[in-house]
Amino acid sequence: MTTASKITLVRVAFIPLLMVLMTLSGGGSNIWMWLSLALFIIGSITDYIDGHIARTRNQVTDFGKFLDPLADKLLVIAAMCMFCQWGMMPAWALMLVLTREFAVTGLRLVAVGKGKVIAAGWSGKVKTASTMVGLCVWMAFPGVAWLSWVIIAVIVITTIYSGIEYFIQNWKCLWD
């Protein structure tokens, strides 16, 4: 197993720990939420680190291509689920994010079946980065209602935009 894949597995292992810490916080600004924030930041940074290591040390593997984006999605969705559970994130917004993720994954699967690879696009990277930053800000200031709505708006807008962009740029995969 490559170093990059081991780092990705660490990120996966962070997910249940993140959910436990966030649960202990009860959605408030306390030591448990600060620990959640620290763990989420470390997990988010490992996304960059494992990708960098994989590319620069020739450690790109099929396992890594599968696990890395899955780990990212699960880490982000775990945090969103907790905010949803506390009534801070509306379920429709979480469902929108989940729908986009499943739809883009499905599109990629169809493309692979036709011998095409759909690489991560710029808007998808912006969506991931802005969502991760937004969730970090939310963990740092969980009780600020106006800030919550700004974060939700950024997540929703970047999610919709990147989803539409993926389908516009790759719609032929569905009909060829």
C-alpha atoms as a PDB file:
ATOM      1  CA  MET A   1       0.000   0.000   0.000  1.00  0.00           C
ATOM      2  CA  THR A   2       1.318   3.418  -0.955  1.00  0.00           C
ATOM      3  CA  THR A   3       1.993   6.287   1.445  1.00  0.00           C
ATOM      4  CA  ALA A   4      -0.716   8.322  -0.291  1.00  0.00           C
ATOM      5  CA  SER A   5      -3.296   5.566   0.243  1.00  0.00           C
ATOM      6  CA  LYS A   6      -2.322   5.234   3.914  1.00  0.00           C
ATOM      7  CA  ILE A   7      -2.912   8.963   4.396  1.00  0.00           C
ATOM      8  CA  THR A   8      -6.302   8.637   2.700  1.00  0.00           C
ATOM      9  CA  LEU A   9      -7.177   5.766   5.058  1.00  0.00           C
ATOM     10  CA  VAL A  10      -6.306   7.985   8.020  1.00  0.00           C
ATOM     11  CA  ARG A  11      -8.845  10.514   6.696  1.00  0.00           C
ATOM     12  CA  VAL A  12     -11.458   7.751   6.531  1.00  0.00           C
ATOM     13  CA  ALA A  13     -10.627   6.772  10.121  1.00  0.00           C
ATOM     14  CA  PHE A  14     -11.192  10.394  11.189  1.00  0.00           C
ATOM     15  CA  ILE A  15     -14.848  10.283  10.109  1.00  0.00           C
ATOM     16  CA  PRO A  16     -16.353   8.336  13.028  1.00  0.00           C
ATOM     17  CA  LEU A  17     -14.136  10.230  15.469  1.00  0.00           C
ATOM     18  CA  LEU A  18     -15.317  13.526  13.981  1.00  0.00           C
ATOM     19  CA  MET A  19     -18.933  12.485  14.430  1.00  0.00           C
ATOM     20  CA  VAL A  20     -18.328  11.452  18.051  1.00  0.00           C
ATOM     21  CA  LEU A  21     -16.626  14.758  18.856  1.00  0.00           C
ATOM     22  CA  MET A  22     -19.346  16.755  17.126  1.00  0.00           C
ATOM     23  CA  THR A  23     -22.020  14.775  18.966  1.00  0.00           C
ATOM     24  CA  LEU A  24     -20.298  15.510  22.287  1.00  0.00           C
ATOM     25  CA  SER A  25     -20.273  19.213  21.392  1.00  0.00           C
ATOM     26  CA  GLY A  26     -24.052  19.225  21.086  1.00  0.00           C
ATOM     27  CA  GLY A  27     -23.710  21.854  18.363  1.00  0.00           C
ATOM     28  CA  GLY A  28     -22.321  24.447  20.739  1.00  0.00           C
ATOM     29  CA  SER A  29     -19.084  26.354  20.843  1.00  0.00           C
ATOM     30  CA  ASN A  30     -17.116  24.304  23.344  1.00  0.00           C
ATOM     31  CA  ILE A  31     -13.947  22.214  23.618  1.00  0.00           C
ATOM     32  CA  TRP A  32     -15.581  19.302  21.754  1.00  0.00           C
ATOM     33  CA  MET A  33     -16.440  21.500  18.780  1.00  0.00           C
ATOM     34  CA  TRP A  34     -12.937  22.971  18.760  1.00  0.00           C
ATOM     35  CA  LEU A  35     -11.520  19.428  18.731  1.00  0.00           C
ATOM     36  CA  SER A  36     -13.949  18.607  15.918  1.00  0.00           C
ATOM     37  CA  LEU A  37     -12.707  21.634  14.018  1.00  0.00           C
ATOM     38  CA  ALA A  38      -9.060  20.650  14.512  1.00  0.00           C
ATOM     39  CA  LEU A  39      -9.755  17.107  13.309  1.00  0.00           C
ATOM     40  CA  PHE A  40     -11.751  18.366  10.318  1.00  0.00           C
ATOM     41  CA  ILE A  41      -8.945  20.753   9.352  1.00  0.00           C
ATOM     42  CA  ILE A  42      -6.357  17.971   9.585  1.00  0.00           C
ATOM     43  CA  GLY A  43      -8.613  15.695   7.540  1.00  0.00           C
ATOM     44  CA  SER A  44      -9.121  18.400   4.926  1.00  0.00           C
ATOM     45  CA  ILE A  45      -5.386  19.074   4.689  1.00  0.00           C
ATOM     46  CA  THR A  46      -4.672  15.363   4.164  1.00  0.00           C
ATOM     47  CA  ASP A  47      -6.765  15.634   0.993  1.00  0.00           C
ATOM     48  CA  TYR A  48      -4.113  17.900  -0.470  1.00  0.00           C
ATOM     49  CA  ILE A  49      -1.184  15.972   1.005  1.00  0.00           C
ATOM     50  CA  ASP A  50      -2.168  12.517  -0.259  1.00  0.00           C
ATOM     51  CA  GLY A  51      -2.860  13.891  -3.739  1.00  0.00           C
ATOM     52  CA  HIS A  52       0.471  15.702  -3.818  1.00  0.00           C
ATOM     53  CA  ILE A  53       2.354  12.609  -2.660  1.00  0.00           C
ATOM     54  CA  ALA A  54       0.543  10.379  -5.150  1.00  0.00           C
ATOM     55  CA  ARG A  55       1.393  12.659  -8.072  1.00  0.00           C
ATOM     56  CA  THR A  56       4.971  13.569  -7.167  1.00  0.00           C
ATOM     57  CA  ARG A  57       6.059  10.086  -6.051  1.00  0.00           C
ATOM     58  CA  ASN A  58       4.282   8.190  -8.809  1.00  0.00           C
ATOM     59  CA  GLN A  59       1.893   6.569  -6.324  1.00  0.00           C
ATOM     60  CA  VAL A  60      -1.318   7.054  -8.292  1.00  0.00           C
ATOM     61  CA  THR A  61      -3.279   3.800  -7.978  1.00  0.00           C
ATOM     62  CA  ASP A  62      -6.777   2.619  -8.816  1.00  0.00           C
ATOM     63  CA  PHE A  63      -7.374   2.142  -5.085  1.00  0.00           C
ATOM     64  CA  GLY A  64      -6.377   5.775  -4.456  1.00  0.00           C
ATOM     65  CA  LYS A  65      -8.526   7.032  -7.334  1.00  0.00           C
ATOM     66  CA  PHE A  66     -11.470   5.238  -5.751  1.00  0.00           C
ATOM     67  CA  LEU A  67     -10.843   5.979  -2.075  1.00  0.00           C
ATOM     68  CA  ASP A  68      -9.636   9.609  -2.156  1.00  0.00           C
ATOM     69  CA  PRO A  69     -12.815  11.230  -3.517  1.00  0.00           C
ATOM     70  CA  LEU A  70     -14.943   8.894  -1.385  1.00  0.00           C
ATOM     71  CA  ALA A  71     -13.051   9.925   1.753  1.00  0.00           C
ATOM     72  CA  ASP A  72     -13.533  13.606   0.891  1.00  0.00           C
ATOM     73  CA  LYS A  73     -17.249  13.193   0.363  1.00  0.00           C
ATOM     74  CA  LEU A  74     -17.743  11.164   3.533  1.00  0.00           C
ATOM     75  CA  LEU A  75     -15.786  13.622   5.682  1.00  0.00           C
ATOM     76  CA  VAL A  76     -17.807  16.583   4.399  1.00  0.00           C
ATOM     77  CA  ILE A  77     -21.150  14.781   4.513  1.00  0.00           C
ATOM     78  CA  ALA A  78     -20.486  13.566   8.071  1.00  0.00           C
ATOM     79  CA  ALA A  79     -20.090  17.163   9.248  1.00  0.00           C
ATOM     80  CA  MET A  80     -23.134  18.280   7.258  1.00  0.00           C
ATOM     81  CA  CYS A  81     -25.223  15.483   8.774  1.00  0.00           C
ATOM     82  CA  MET A  82     -24.378  16.719  12.243  1.00  0.00           C
ATOM     83  CA  PHE A  83     -25.395  20.293  11.382  1.00  0.00           C
ATOM     84  CA  CYS A  84     -28.580  18.908   9.864  1.00  0.00           C
ATOM     85  CA  GLN A  85     -29.278  16.853  12.993  1.00  0.00           C
ATOM     86  CA  TRP A  86     -28.991  19.990  15.104  1.00  0.00           C
ATOM     87  CA  GLY A  87     -31.429  21.834  12.826  1.00  0.00           C
ATOM     88  CA  MET A  88     -28.708  24.236  11.656  1.00  0.00           C
ATOM     89  CA  MET A  89     -28.619  22.944   8.073  1.00  0.00           C
ATOM     90  CA  PRO A  90     -31.876  22.272   6.276  1.00  0.00           C
ATOM     91  CA  ALA A  91     -32.354  18.717   5.050  1.00  0.00           C
ATOM     92  CA  TRP A  92     -33.083  19.958   1.522  1.00  0.00           C
ATOM     93  CA  ALA A  93     -29.582  21.466   1.315  1.00  0.00           C
ATOM     94  CA  LEU A  94     -27.972  18.227   2.476  1.00  0.00           C
ATOM     95  CA  MET A  95     -30.121  16.296  -0.004  1.00  0.00           C
ATOM     96  CA  LEU A  96     -29.020  18.632  -2.790  1.00  0.00           C
ATOM     97  CA  VAL A  97     -25.363  17.929  -1.972  1.00  0.00           C
ATOM     98  CA  LEU A  98     -25.985  14.169  -1.838  1.00  0.00           C
ATOM     99  CA  THR A  99     -27.916  14.235  -5.125  1.00  0.00           C
ATOM    100  CA  ARG A 100     -25.104  16.088  -6.889  1.00  0.00           C
ATOM    101  CA  GLU A 101     -22.501  13.650  -5.546  1.00  0.00           C
ATOM    102  CA  PHE A 102     -24.473  10.587  -6.645  1.00  0.00           C
ATOM    103  CA  ALA A 103     -25.275  12.115 -10.043  1.00  0.00           C
ATOM    104  CA  VAL A 104     -21.665  13.062 -10.827  1.00  0.00           C
ATOM    105  CA  THR A 105     -20.443   9.671  -9.607  1.00  0.00           C
ATOM    106  CA  GLY A 106     -23.012   7.981 -11.841  1.00  0.00           C
ATOM    107  CA  LEU A 107     -21.925  10.103 -14.800  1.00  0.00           C
ATOM    108  CA  ARG A 108     -18.310   9.123 -14.165  1.00  0.00           C
ATOM    109  CA  LEU A 109     -19.257   5.436 -14.013  1.00  0.00           C
ATOM    110  CA  VAL A 110     -21.078   5.660 -17.348  1.00  0.00           C
ATOM    111  CA  ALA A 111     -18.065   7.447 -18.861  1.00  0.00           C
ATOM    112  CA  VAL A 112     -15.634   4.819 -17.552  1.00  0.00           C
ATOM    113  CA  GLY A 113     -17.815   2.116 -19.073  1.00  0.00           C
ATOM    114  CA  LYS A 114     -17.286   3.863 -22.407  1.00  0.00           C
ATOM    115  CA  GLY A 115     -13.527   4.174 -21.914  1.00  0.00           C
ATOM    116  CA  LYS A 116     -13.608   7.852 -20.943  1.00  0.00           C
ATOM    117  CA  VAL A 117     -12.314   9.443 -17.764  1.00  0.00           C
ATOM    118  CA  ILE A 118     -13.947  12.540 -16.336  1.00  0.00           C
ATOM    119  CA  ALA A 119     -11.308  14.365 -14.348  1.00  0.00           C
ATOM    120  CA  ALA A 120     -12.157  16.636 -11.466  1.00  0.00           C
ATOM    121  CA  GLY A 121     -13.092  19.999 -12.893  1.00  0.00           C
ATOM    122  CA  TRP A 122     -12.201  23.428 -11.606  1.00  0.00           C
ATOM    123  CA  SER A 123     -15.718  24.069 -10.311  1.00  0.00           C
ATOM    124  CA  GLY A 124     -15.710  20.750  -8.435  1.00  0.00           C
ATOM    125  CA  LYS A 125     -12.463  21.725  -6.729  1.00  0.00           C
ATOM    126  CA  VAL A 126     -13.892  25.140  -5.846  1.00  0.00           C
ATOM    127  CA  LYS A 127     -17.003  23.414  -4.469  1.00  0.00           C
ATOM    128  CA  THR A 128     -14.934  21.075  -2.318  1.00  0.00           C
ATOM    129  CA  ALA A 129     -12.629  23.809  -1.036  1.00  0.00           C
ATOM    130  CA  SER A 130     -15.412  26.309  -0.310  1.00  0.00           C
ATOM    131  CA  THR A 131     -17.480  23.626   1.404  1.00  0.00           C
ATOM    132  CA  MET A 132     -14.558  22.550   3.582  1.00  0.00           C
ATOM    133  CA  VAL A 133     -13.725  26.157   4.498  1.00  0.00           C
ATOM    134  CA  GLY A 134     -17.394  26.899   5.143  1.00  0.00           C
ATOM    135  CA  LEU A 135     -17.737  23.909   7.449  1.00  0.00           C
ATOM    136  CA  CYS A 136     -14.599  25.007   9.332  1.00  0.00           C
ATOM    137  CA  VAL A 137     -16.061  28.495   9.826  1.00  0.00           C
ATOM    138  CA  TRP A 138     -19.361  26.939  10.906  1.00  0.00           C
ATOM    139  CA  MET A 139     -17.602  24.790  13.504  1.00  0.00           C
ATOM    140  CA  ALA A 140     -15.754  27.851  14.798  1.00  0.00           C
ATOM    141  CA  PHE A 141     -18.956  29.937  15.032  1.00  0.00           C
ATOM    142  CA  PRO A 142     -21.842  27.439  15.307  1.00  0.00           C
ATOM    143  CA  GLY A 143     -24.369  29.785  16.879  1.00  0.00           C
ATOM    144  CA  VAL A 144     -24.260  32.654  14.390  1.00  0.00           C
ATOM    145  CA  ALA A 145     -27.490  32.333  12.386  1.00  0.00           C
ATOM    146  CA  TRP A 146     -26.673  34.781   9.566  1.00  0.00           C
ATOM    147  CA  LEU A 147     -23.291  33.131   9.067  1.00  0.00           C
ATOM    148  CA  SER A 148     -24.967  29.724   8.838  1.00  0.00           C
ATOM    149  CA  TRP A 149     -27.151  30.978   5.994  1.00  0.00           C
ATOM    150  CA  VAL A 150     -24.161  32.438   4.167  1.00  0.00           C
ATOM    151  CA  ILE A 151     -22.338  29.104   4.452  1.00  0.00           C
ATOM    152  CA  ILE A 152     -25.413  27.181   3.306  1.00  0.00           C
ATOM    153  CA  ALA A 153     -25.801  29.555   0.337  1.00  0.00           C
ATOM    154  CA  VAL A 154     -22.157  29.087  -0.699  1.00  0.00           C
ATOM    155  CA  ILE A 155     -22.438  25.301  -0.393  1.00  0.00           C
ATOM    156  CA  VAL A 156     -25.693  25.189  -2.369  1.00  0.00           C
ATOM    157  CA  ILE A 157     -24.555  27.576  -5.117  1.00  0.00           C
ATOM    158  CA  THR A 158     -21.184  25.878  -5.676  1.00  0.00           C
ATOM    159  CA  THR A 159     -22.828  22.448  -5.549  1.00  0.00           C
ATOM    160  CA  ILE A 160     -25.454  23.342  -8.168  1.00  0.00           C
ATOM    161  CA  TYR A 161     -22.983  25.154 -10.404  1.00  0.00           C
ATOM    162  CA  SER A 162     -20.388  22.366 -10.392  1.00  0.00           C
ATOM    163  CA  GLY A 163     -23.038  19.698 -10.920  1.00  0.00           C
ATOM    164  CA  ILE A 164     -24.481  21.532 -13.912  1.00  0.00           C
ATOM    165  CA  GLU A 165     -20.989  22.126 -15.312  1.00  0.00           C
ATOM    166  CA  TYR A 166     -20.097  18.423 -15.087  1.00  0.00           C
ATOM    167  CA  PHE A 167     -23.230  17.467 -16.992  1.00  0.00           C
ATOM    168  CA  ILE A 168     -22.922  20.202 -19.626  1.00  0.00           C
ATOM    169  CA  GLN A 169     -19.296  19.291 -20.337  1.00  0.00           C
ATOM    170  CA  ASN A 170     -19.914  15.542 -20.344  1.00  0.00           C
ATOM    171  CA  TRP A 171     -23.525  15.038 -21.457  1.00  0.00           C
ATOM    172  CA  LYS A 172     -22.418  13.145 -24.550  1.00  0.00           C
ATOM    173  CA  CYS A 173     -21.271  10.304 -22.293  1.00  0.00           C
ATOM    174  CA  LEU A 174     -24.916   9.588 -21.556  1.00  0.00           C
ATOM    175  CA  TRP A 175     -26.004   9.384 -25.198  1.00  0.00           C
ATOM    176  CA  ASP A 176     -23.018   7.939 -27.106  1.00  0.00           C
END
